[in-house]
Amino acid sequence: MILYQLKCKDLGFDSCDFIATGNSETELKRKFIFHSMCFHEKELNEMELVQKIEFDNNLNQLLDKQTNYFF
C-alpha cells in the first residue's frame, strides 16, 4: 500500500502532471527531488534563496499533513 503521494502541482509546477508516490517520507522526498532536479532545473535555478527555503518548507508541510492523516 502506497502511503505517500505528492504532485508537482502541489508545489507550484502547474503545467506538470508528475505524481511521486512512496511508502515513506524519505522515499517520496527522494523521488520528488530527483524529478524536480531533472525536469524543473530551470525553475529551480531561477529561484532566489528565500524561494528555495519556502519550496522546501512547503514540501515538508505537505509531507507532515500526509503523516498526520495516516497515523
N, C-alpha and C. Protein backbone atom coordinates (compact mmCIF):
# COMPACT_ATOMS: atom_id res chain seq x y z
N MET A 1 0.84 -1.18 0.00
CA MET A 1 0.00 0.00 0.00
C MET A 1 0.88 1.24 0.00
N ILE A 2 0.60 2.15 -0.92
CA ILE A 2 1.33 3.42 -1.01
C ILE A 2 0.77 4.36 0.05
N LEU A 3 1.66 4.88 0.90
CA LEU A 3 1.22 5.76 1.96
C LEU A 3 1.34 7.24 1.62
N TYR A 4 2.25 7.57 0.73
CA TYR A 4 2.53 8.97 0.44
C TYR A 4 2.38 9.25 -1.05
N GLN A 5 1.90 10.46 -1.33
CA GLN A 5 1.74 10.90 -2.72
C GLN A 5 1.94 12.40 -2.76
N LEU A 6 2.65 12.87 -3.77
CA LEU A 6 2.90 14.30 -3.90
C LEU A 6 2.89 14.66 -5.38
N LYS A 7 2.15 15.69 -5.71
CA LYS A 7 2.04 16.15 -7.10
C LYS A 7 2.90 17.39 -7.30
N CYS A 8 3.46 17.52 -8.47
CA CYS A 8 4.20 18.73 -8.81
C CYS A 8 3.30 19.96 -8.65
N LYS A 9 2.05 19.81 -9.02
CA LYS A 9 1.12 20.92 -8.92
C LYS A 9 0.95 21.39 -7.48
N ASP A 10 1.15 20.49 -6.50
CA ASP A 10 1.06 20.85 -5.09
C ASP A 10 2.13 21.87 -4.69
N LEU A 11 3.22 21.90 -5.45
CA LEU A 11 4.33 22.79 -5.12
C LEU A 11 4.57 23.86 -6.18
N GLY A 12 3.55 24.12 -7.00
CA GLY A 12 3.62 25.26 -7.90
C GLY A 12 4.06 24.98 -9.32
N PHE A 13 4.35 23.73 -9.66
CA PHE A 13 4.69 23.41 -11.05
C PHE A 13 3.38 23.05 -11.76
N ASP A 14 2.60 24.09 -12.06
CA ASP A 14 1.22 23.91 -12.53
C ASP A 14 1.10 23.18 -13.86
N SER A 15 2.11 23.24 -14.70
CA SER A 15 2.00 22.60 -16.02
C SER A 15 2.52 21.16 -16.02
N CYS A 16 2.87 20.65 -14.84
CA CYS A 16 3.44 19.30 -14.75
C CYS A 16 2.46 18.35 -14.06
N ASP A 17 2.23 17.20 -14.67
CA ASP A 17 1.30 16.21 -14.13
C ASP A 17 1.98 15.10 -13.34
N PHE A 18 3.28 15.27 -13.04
CA PHE A 18 4.02 14.24 -12.31
C PHE A 18 3.45 14.04 -10.90
N ILE A 19 3.36 12.77 -10.51
CA ILE A 19 2.94 12.42 -9.15
C ILE A 19 3.97 11.43 -8.60
N ALA A 20 4.61 11.82 -7.51
CA ALA A 20 5.55 10.92 -6.83
C ALA A 20 4.77 10.13 -5.79
N THR A 21 5.10 8.86 -5.67
CA THR A 21 4.48 8.01 -4.66
C THR A 21 5.58 7.26 -3.91
N GLY A 22 5.27 6.91 -2.68
CA GLY A 22 6.25 6.16 -1.91
C GLY A 22 5.67 5.60 -0.64
N ASN A 23 6.41 4.71 -0.03
CA ASN A 23 5.97 4.06 1.20
C ASN A 23 6.52 4.75 2.44
N SER A 24 7.38 5.75 2.25
CA SER A 24 7.92 6.51 3.38
C SER A 24 8.15 7.94 2.94
N GLU A 25 8.27 8.83 3.92
CA GLU A 25 8.58 10.22 3.62
C GLU A 25 9.89 10.33 2.86
N THR A 26 10.88 9.57 3.30
CA THR A 26 12.20 9.62 2.69
C THR A 26 12.15 9.20 1.22
N GLU A 27 11.46 8.11 0.94
CA GLU A 27 11.34 7.63 -0.44
C GLU A 27 10.62 8.65 -1.31
N LEU A 28 9.54 9.19 -0.81
CA LEU A 28 8.77 10.17 -1.58
C LEU A 28 9.59 11.42 -1.85
N LYS A 29 10.23 11.94 -0.82
CA LYS A 29 11.02 13.16 -0.97
C LYS A 29 12.16 12.93 -1.96
N ARG A 30 12.82 11.77 -1.89
CA ARG A 30 13.91 11.44 -2.82
C ARG A 30 13.42 11.43 -4.26
N LYS A 31 12.29 10.77 -4.50
CA LYS A 31 11.73 10.69 -5.85
C LYS A 31 11.31 12.07 -6.35
N PHE A 32 10.69 12.85 -5.48
CA PHE A 32 10.20 14.16 -5.90
C PHE A 32 11.36 15.11 -6.19
N ILE A 33 12.37 15.10 -5.34
CA ILE A 33 13.52 15.98 -5.57
C ILE A 33 14.27 15.57 -6.83
N PHE A 34 14.41 14.27 -7.07
CA PHE A 34 15.07 13.80 -8.29
C PHE A 34 14.30 14.28 -9.52
N HIS A 35 12.98 14.13 -9.50
CA HIS A 35 12.16 14.60 -10.61
C HIS A 35 12.31 16.10 -10.80
N SER A 36 12.25 16.84 -9.71
CA SER A 36 12.35 18.30 -9.78
C SER A 36 13.68 18.74 -10.38
N MET A 37 14.75 18.08 -9.98
CA MET A 37 16.08 18.43 -10.50
C MET A 37 16.21 18.10 -11.99
N CYS A 38 15.57 17.02 -12.42
CA CYS A 38 15.66 16.61 -13.83
C CYS A 38 14.74 17.42 -14.74
N PHE A 39 13.52 17.68 -14.28
CA PHE A 39 12.52 18.26 -15.16
C PHE A 39 12.19 19.72 -14.87
N HIS A 40 12.64 20.23 -13.75
CA HIS A 40 12.35 21.62 -13.39
C HIS A 40 13.62 22.37 -13.01
N GLU A 41 14.72 21.96 -13.63
CA GLU A 41 16.02 22.55 -13.32
C GLU A 41 16.01 24.06 -13.56
N LYS A 42 15.42 24.49 -14.65
CA LYS A 42 15.39 25.92 -14.97
C LYS A 42 14.66 26.70 -13.88
N GLU A 43 13.48 26.22 -13.49
CA GLU A 43 12.70 26.93 -12.47
C GLU A 43 13.44 26.97 -11.14
N LEU A 44 14.07 25.86 -10.77
CA LEU A 44 14.81 25.80 -9.51
C LEU A 44 16.01 26.73 -9.53
N ASN A 45 16.71 26.78 -10.65
CA ASN A 45 17.88 27.65 -10.77
C ASN A 45 17.51 29.12 -10.74
N GLU A 46 16.30 29.45 -11.18
CA GLU A 46 15.85 30.84 -11.19
C GLU A 46 15.34 31.31 -9.82
N MET A 47 15.14 30.38 -8.90
CA MET A 47 14.64 30.74 -7.57
C MET A 47 15.72 31.44 -6.75
N GLU A 48 15.30 32.45 -6.01
CA GLU A 48 16.17 33.08 -5.03
C GLU A 48 16.25 32.14 -3.82
N LEU A 49 17.22 32.37 -2.96
CA LEU A 49 17.41 31.52 -1.78
C LEU A 49 16.15 31.46 -0.93
N VAL A 50 15.49 32.59 -0.75
CA VAL A 50 14.26 32.63 0.06
C VAL A 50 13.18 31.74 -0.56
N GLN A 51 13.07 31.76 -1.88
CA GLN A 51 12.09 30.93 -2.58
C GLN A 51 12.43 29.45 -2.42
N LYS A 52 13.72 29.10 -2.45
CA LYS A 52 14.13 27.71 -2.26
C LYS A 52 13.80 27.23 -0.85
N ILE A 53 13.98 28.10 0.12
CA ILE A 53 13.63 27.75 1.50
C ILE A 53 12.13 27.56 1.63
N GLU A 54 11.34 28.44 1.02
CA GLU A 54 9.88 28.30 1.02
C GLU A 54 9.45 27.00 0.34
N PHE A 55 10.08 26.68 -0.77
CA PHE A 55 9.79 25.44 -1.50
C PHE A 55 10.02 24.24 -0.59
N ASP A 56 11.16 24.20 0.08
CA ASP A 56 11.48 23.10 0.98
C ASP A 56 10.50 23.05 2.16
N ASN A 57 10.17 24.21 2.71
CA ASN A 57 9.19 24.26 3.80
C ASN A 57 7.83 23.75 3.36
N ASN A 58 7.40 24.16 2.17
CA ASN A 58 6.11 23.69 1.64
C ASN A 58 6.12 22.18 1.42
N LEU A 59 7.22 21.67 0.91
CA LEU A 59 7.36 20.23 0.71
C LEU A 59 7.23 19.50 2.05
N ASN A 60 7.93 19.97 3.06
CA ASN A 60 7.87 19.34 4.38
C ASN A 60 6.48 19.45 5.00
N GLN A 61 5.80 20.57 4.81
CA GLN A 61 4.44 20.73 5.34
C GLN A 61 3.48 19.74 4.68
N LEU A 62 3.60 19.57 3.38
CA LEU A 62 2.74 18.62 2.68
C LEU A 62 2.99 17.20 3.17
N LEU A 63 4.25 16.87 3.41
CA LEU A 63 4.57 15.54 3.93
C LEU A 63 4.03 15.37 5.35
N ASP A 64 4.15 16.40 6.17
CA ASP A 64 3.63 16.34 7.54
C ASP A 64 2.12 16.11 7.55
N LYS A 65 1.41 16.77 6.65
CA LYS A 65 -0.05 16.60 6.58
C LYS A 65 -0.40 15.15 6.25
N GLN A 66 0.36 14.55 5.35
CA GLN A 66 0.09 13.15 4.99
C GLN A 66 0.41 12.23 6.15
N THR A 67 1.49 12.50 6.85
CA THR A 67 1.86 11.67 8.00
C THR A 67 0.78 11.73 9.06
N ASN A 68 0.27 12.92 9.35
CA ASN A 68 -0.77 13.08 10.34
C ASN A 68 -2.07 12.41 9.92
N TYR A 69 -2.32 12.37 8.61
CA TYR A 69 -3.54 11.75 8.10
C TYR A 69 -3.53 10.24 8.30
N PHE A 70 -2.37 9.61 8.05
CA PHE A 70 -2.30 8.16 8.10
C PHE A 70 -2.06 7.59 9.50
N PHE A 71 -1.47 8.42 10.38
CA PHE A 71 -1.11 7.88 11.68
C PHE A 71 -1.83 8.56 12.80
